[in-house]
């Protein structure tokens, strides 16, 4: 009985194909997880800074706001960015205090934002309107009275329109974050001024 030693070319190609397939699946799963983590980080930053801005608005007696704008990332892909504004004598400008806190937030290109304030859908402004010298009034106001518009921010996948995250808040600035269609809040606590 003769036994051939080694592998045939076909056997080696099948093994190589299985390895490539498994590597591709792992890469896809890792990349989609990274985008989810970025979105969750952006939402947590948004809620924390908005809660701080409401406190600062009451303390300083000046209104703050959030400007949602269309933009392009470094690869030229369309994204939505969030810009912080403060009502100053010269109009709506970047906040003067704590500039390191009020930094621009950019959401990943594979996501789409759907914004509603007081049950009215709000569209992001054009990219050039995000220039602080333009003095554009932000869509979401955080007033010196400590109140804001009730709102909802939905983060959807560009590919299949799947709901990834949902952020809701009331006029007193109490925020709740949810993952997808799940009604269980992801917050360990509620951000409130």
Protein backbone atom coordinates (compact mmCIF):
# COMPACT_ATOMS: atom_id res chain seq x y z
CA UNK A 1 0.00 0.00 0.00
CA UNK A 2 1.51 3.20 -1.13
CA UNK A 3 0.59 6.37 0.65
CA UNK A 4 1.25 9.70 -0.98
CA UNK A 5 2.86 12.26 1.21
CA UNK A 6 2.12 15.98 1.18
CA UNK A 7 -0.86 17.95 -0.02
CA UNK A 8 -2.18 18.36 -3.50
CA UNK A 9 -2.41 21.81 -5.00
CA UNK A 10 -6.22 21.74 -4.73
CA UNK A 11 -6.09 20.89 -1.01
CA UNK A 12 -3.68 23.74 -0.38
CA UNK A 13 -5.89 26.19 -2.33
CA UNK A 14 -8.97 25.11 -0.35
CA UNK A 15 -7.14 25.67 2.96
CA UNK A 16 -5.84 29.02 1.75
CA UNK A 17 -9.37 30.03 0.65
CA UNK A 18 -10.80 29.12 4.08
CA UNK A 19 -8.08 31.18 5.83
CA UNK A 20 -8.74 34.22 3.60
CA UNK A 21 -12.49 33.91 4.15
CA UNK A 22 -12.13 33.72 7.94
CA UNK A 23 -9.72 36.69 7.96
CA UNK A 24 -12.17 38.75 5.90
CA UNK A 25 -15.04 37.97 8.26
CA UNK A 26 -12.98 38.89 11.31
CA UNK A 27 -11.88 42.16 9.66
CA UNK A 28 -15.48 43.08 8.81
CA UNK A 29 -16.63 42.40 12.37
CA UNK A 30 -13.76 44.38 13.89
CA UNK A 31 -14.36 47.37 11.60
CA UNK A 32 -18.11 47.52 12.28
CA UNK A 33 -17.43 47.30 16.01
CA UNK A 34 -14.98 50.19 15.77
CA UNK A 35 -17.60 52.39 14.13
CA UNK A 36 -20.12 51.50 16.85
CA UNK A 37 -17.59 52.41 19.54
CA UNK A 38 -16.87 55.75 17.84
CA UNK A 39 -20.59 56.57 17.61
CA UNK A 40 -21.16 55.62 21.26
CA UNK A 41 -18.17 57.76 22.30
CA UNK A 42 -19.50 60.73 20.29
CA UNK A 43 -22.95 60.39 21.90
CA UNK A 44 -21.49 60.20 25.39
CA UNK A 45 -19.35 63.27 24.68
CA UNK A 46 -22.36 65.11 23.23
CA UNK A 47 -24.50 64.43 26.31
CA UNK A 48 -21.76 65.31 28.79
CA UNK A 49 -20.82 68.57 27.06
CA UNK A 50 -24.49 69.53 26.53
CA UNK A 51 -25.16 69.01 30.25
CA UNK A 52 -22.09 71.14 31.04
CA UNK A 53 -23.22 73.81 28.53
CA UNK A 54 -26.64 74.02 30.21
CA UNK A 55 -24.93 74.55 33.56
CA UNK A 56 -22.55 77.10 32.06
CA UNK A 57 -25.46 78.89 30.34
CA UNK A 58 -27.22 79.35 33.68
CA UNK A 59 -24.01 80.38 35.44
CA UNK A 60 -22.90 82.89 32.77
CA UNK A 61 -26.36 84.09 31.77
CA UNK A 62 -25.63 83.49 28.07
CA UNK A 63 -27.22 80.98 25.73
CA UNK A 64 -25.30 78.09 24.22
CA UNK A 65 -26.23 76.02 21.21
CA UNK A 66 -25.38 73.06 19.02
CA UNK A 67 -24.98 73.47 15.27
CA UNK A 68 -25.35 70.32 13.15
CA UNK A 69 -23.53 70.68 9.82
CA UNK A 70 -22.77 68.61 6.75
CA UNK A 71 -19.07 68.20 6.05
CA UNK A 72 -16.56 65.88 4.40
CA UNK A 73 -13.97 63.81 6.24
CA UNK A 74 -10.30 63.54 5.23
CA UNK A 75 -11.23 60.89 2.61
CA UNK A 76 -13.87 63.19 1.09
CA UNK A 77 -16.80 61.11 2.41
CA UNK A 78 -19.91 63.01 3.58
CA UNK A 79 -20.26 63.21 7.38
CA UNK A 80 -22.22 65.23 9.93
CA UNK A 81 -20.31 67.35 12.42
CA UNK A 82 -21.44 69.00 15.63
CA UNK A 83 -20.24 72.49 16.55
CA UNK A 84 -20.72 74.27 19.88
CA UNK A 85 -21.79 77.90 19.90
CA UNK A 86 -22.33 80.62 22.50
CA UNK A 87 -24.41 83.77 22.04
CA UNK A 88 -21.95 86.64 22.43
CA UNK A 89 -22.24 90.35 21.63
CA UNK A 90 -20.79 89.65 18.18
CA UNK A 91 -23.42 86.92 17.59
CA UNK A 92 -23.19 83.13 17.75
CA UNK A 93 -19.52 82.19 18.07
CA UNK A 94 -17.38 79.42 19.51
CA UNK A 95 -17.58 79.35 23.32
CA UNK A 96 -14.88 81.46 24.93
CA UNK A 97 -14.49 79.39 28.08
CA UNK A 98 -13.12 75.83 28.04
CA UNK A 99 -12.28 75.64 24.30
CA UNK A 100 -10.72 72.19 24.86
CA UNK A 101 -14.14 70.95 26.00
CA UNK A 102 -16.20 72.50 23.20
CA UNK A 103 -14.46 70.71 20.33
CA UNK A 104 -16.07 69.66 17.05
CA UNK A 105 -17.55 66.15 16.97
CA UNK A 106 -17.53 64.20 13.71
CA UNK A 107 -19.69 61.13 13.20
CA UNK A 108 -18.42 58.25 11.00
CA UNK A 109 -19.22 58.31 7.28
CA UNK A 110 -21.09 55.01 7.50
CA UNK A 111 -23.74 56.61 9.74
CA UNK A 112 -26.64 58.99 9.11
CA UNK A 113 -28.03 61.37 11.75
CA UNK A 114 -31.73 62.11 12.08
CA UNK A 115 -32.40 65.05 14.44
CA UNK A 116 -35.76 66.11 15.87
CA UNK A 117 -36.35 69.06 18.21
CA UNK A 118 -39.83 69.53 19.70
CA UNK A 119 -41.06 66.85 17.26
CA UNK A 120 -39.80 68.76 14.18
CA UNK A 121 -37.07 67.18 12.04
CA UNK A 122 -33.98 69.39 11.75
CA UNK A 123 -31.59 69.20 8.81
CA UNK A 124 -27.85 69.89 9.11
CA UNK A 125 -26.66 73.17 7.61
CA UNK A 126 -24.20 73.43 4.73
CA UNK A 127 -20.51 72.98 5.54
CA UNK A 128 -19.66 76.68 5.03
CA UNK A 129 -22.30 77.67 7.60
CA UNK A 130 -20.25 75.88 10.27
CA UNK A 131 -17.62 78.63 10.06
CA UNK A 132 -17.95 80.42 13.43
CA UNK A 133 -17.55 83.80 11.71
CA UNK A 134 -20.78 83.12 9.81
CA UNK A 135 -22.69 83.63 13.06
CA UNK A 136 -25.37 81.09 12.09
CA UNK A 137 -27.92 80.45 14.85
CA UNK A 138 -27.54 76.86 16.06
CA UNK A 139 -30.49 74.51 15.63
CA UNK A 140 -30.42 73.18 19.21
CA UNK A 141 -30.54 75.91 21.88
CA UNK A 142 -29.36 75.48 25.48
CA UNK A 143 -30.76 78.57 27.15
CA UNK A 144 -29.57 80.56 30.15
CA UNK A 145 -32.88 79.69 31.85
CA UNK A 146 -31.64 76.09 32.11
CA UNK A 147 -34.10 74.77 29.56
CA UNK A 148 -33.76 73.36 26.08
CA UNK A 149 -35.97 71.92 23.37
CA UNK A 150 -36.99 68.30 23.92
CA UNK A 151 -35.26 66.26 21.28
CA UNK A 152 -34.22 63.00 19.75
CA UNK A 153 -31.10 62.07 17.80
CA UNK A 154 -31.23 58.84 15.80
CA UNK A 155 -28.03 57.32 14.42
CA UNK A 156 -28.70 55.02 11.47
CA UNK A 157 -26.49 52.86 9.27
CA UNK A 158 -26.02 54.34 5.79
CA UNK A 159 -25.97 50.86 4.23
CA UNK A 160 -29.29 49.43 5.46
CA UNK A 161 -30.89 52.28 7.46
CA UNK A 162 -30.72 50.14 10.61
CA UNK A 163 -31.18 52.13 13.83
CA UNK A 164 -27.85 51.90 15.69
CA UNK A 165 -28.30 54.37 18.58
CA UNK A 166 -30.99 56.69 19.89
CA UNK A 167 -30.44 59.66 22.20
CA UNK A 168 -33.48 61.40 23.72
CA UNK A 169 -33.72 64.34 26.11
CA UNK A 170 -36.39 66.42 27.78
CA UNK A 171 -36.65 70.24 28.21
CA UNK A 172 -34.65 70.03 31.45
CA UNK A 173 -31.71 68.38 29.71
CA UNK A 174 -32.13 64.86 31.07
CA UNK A 175 -30.56 62.51 28.53
CA UNK A 176 -31.15 58.81 27.86
CA UNK A 177 -29.13 56.77 25.37
CA UNK A 178 -30.40 53.54 23.78
CA UNK A 179 -28.80 50.97 21.47
CA UNK A 180 -30.87 50.21 18.36
CA UNK A 181 -34.53 49.43 18.93
CA UNK A 182 -33.84 48.40 22.54
CA UNK A 183 -35.93 50.27 25.10
CA UNK A 184 -33.44 49.61 27.91
CA UNK A 185 -31.33 52.68 28.55
CA UNK A 186 -27.56 52.33 28.16
CA UNK A 187 -26.98 55.00 30.82
CA UNK A 188 -25.73 53.99 34.24
CA UNK A 189 -27.06 57.38 35.26
CA UNK A 190 -28.95 60.21 33.66
CA UNK A 191 -27.04 63.35 32.67
CA UNK A 192 -28.91 66.27 34.17
CA UNK A 193 -27.91 69.84 34.90
